[in-house]
C-alpha atoms as a PDB file:
ATOM      1  CA  MET A   1      22.908  24.810  -3.575  1.00  0.00           C
ATOM      2  CA  GLY A   2      21.984  21.715  -5.531  1.00  0.00           C
ATOM      3  CA  GLU A   3      21.844  23.346  -8.953  1.00  0.00           C
ATOM      4  CA  PRO A   4      25.423  22.382  -9.983  1.00  0.00           C
ATOM      5  CA  TYR A   5      24.426  18.744  -9.406  1.00  0.00           C
ATOM      6  CA  GLY A   6      21.129  18.870 -11.294  1.00  0.00           C
ATOM      7  CA  TRP A   7      19.073  19.028  -8.094  1.00  0.00           C
ATOM      8  CA  SER A   8      17.511  22.461  -8.468  1.00  0.00           C
ATOM      9  CA  THR A   9      13.745  22.769  -8.106  1.00  0.00           C
ATOM     10  CA  LEU A  10      13.358  23.381 -11.831  1.00  0.00           C
ATOM     11  CA  ALA A  11      15.546  20.411 -12.798  1.00  0.00           C
ATOM     12  CA  LEU A  12      13.601  18.063 -10.498  1.00  0.00           C
ATOM     13  CA  TYR A  13      10.266  19.402 -11.719  1.00  0.00           C
ATOM     14  CA  GLU A  14      11.277  18.733 -15.324  1.00  0.00           C
ATOM     15  CA  ARG A  15      12.345  15.163 -14.458  1.00  0.00           C
ATOM     16  CA  MET A  16       9.062  14.513 -12.646  1.00  0.00           C
ATOM     17  CA  GLN A  17       7.118  15.360 -15.825  1.00  0.00           C
ATOM     18  CA  ALA A  18       8.385  12.164 -17.477  1.00  0.00           C
ATOM     19  CA  PRO A  19       6.238   9.007 -17.208  1.00  0.00           C
ATOM     20  CA  PHE A  20       6.592   7.104 -13.945  1.00  0.00           C
ATOM     21  CA  GLY A  21       9.559   4.788 -14.158  1.00  0.00           C
ATOM     22  CA  GLU A  22      11.306   6.959 -16.726  1.00  0.00           C
ATOM     23  CA  GLN A  23      12.116   9.847 -14.405  1.00  0.00           C
ATOM     24  CA  GLY A  24      15.627   8.677 -13.593  1.00  0.00           C
ATOM     25  CA  ILE A  25      15.025   8.993  -9.868  1.00  0.00           C
ATOM     26  CA  GLN A  26      15.441   5.929  -7.667  1.00  0.00           C
ATOM     27  CA  VAL A  27      13.058   5.615  -4.732  1.00  0.00           C
ATOM     28  CA  GLU A  28      14.178   3.238  -2.028  1.00  0.00           C
ATOM     29  CA  TYR A  29      12.277   2.308   1.136  1.00  0.00           C
ATOM     30  CA  LEU A  30      14.415   2.464   4.256  1.00  0.00           C
ATOM     31  CA  ARG A  31      12.639   1.118   7.318  1.00  0.00           C
ATOM     32  CA  ASN A  32      12.974   3.413  10.326  1.00  0.00           C
ATOM     33  CA  GLU A  33      12.609   1.286  13.437  1.00  0.00           C
ATOM     34  CA  SER A  34      12.309   4.369  15.666  1.00  0.00           C
ATOM     35  CA  LYS A  35       9.023   5.261  13.924  1.00  0.00           C
ATOM     36  CA  LEU A  36       7.528   1.749  14.109  1.00  0.00           C
ATOM     37  CA  ASN A  37       5.717   2.264  17.429  1.00  0.00           C
ATOM     38  CA  ALA A  38       3.907   5.327  16.091  1.00  0.00           C
ATOM     39  CA  TYR A  39       2.734   3.311  13.076  1.00  0.00           C
ATOM     40  CA  LYS A  40       1.574   0.407  15.266  1.00  0.00           C
ATOM     41  CA  ALA A  41      -0.452   2.807  17.447  1.00  0.00           C
ATOM     42  CA  TRP A  42      -2.060   4.398  14.354  1.00  0.00           C
ATOM     43  CA  LYS A  43      -2.813   1.002  12.828  1.00  0.00           C
ATOM     44  CA  LYS A  44      -4.421  -0.235  16.055  1.00  0.00           C
ATOM     45  CA  ARG A  45      -6.869   2.702  15.988  1.00  0.00           C
ATOM     46  CA  HIS A  46      -7.606   2.858  12.253  1.00  0.00           C
ATOM     47  CA  VAL A  47      -7.378  -0.587  10.704  1.00  0.00           C
ATOM     48  CA  LEU A  48     -10.207  -3.049  11.136  1.00  0.00           C
END
């Protein structure tokens, strides 16, 4: 479905072969508050 937009598996694989930062793909962190409690519970058990 994504091939007409350049989002086929092959097209993405080829872009990912470029050096980091030159791939032309923007990665943006979006905090998900609904998942925060799960992270806090994991951190409580695993982080010193």
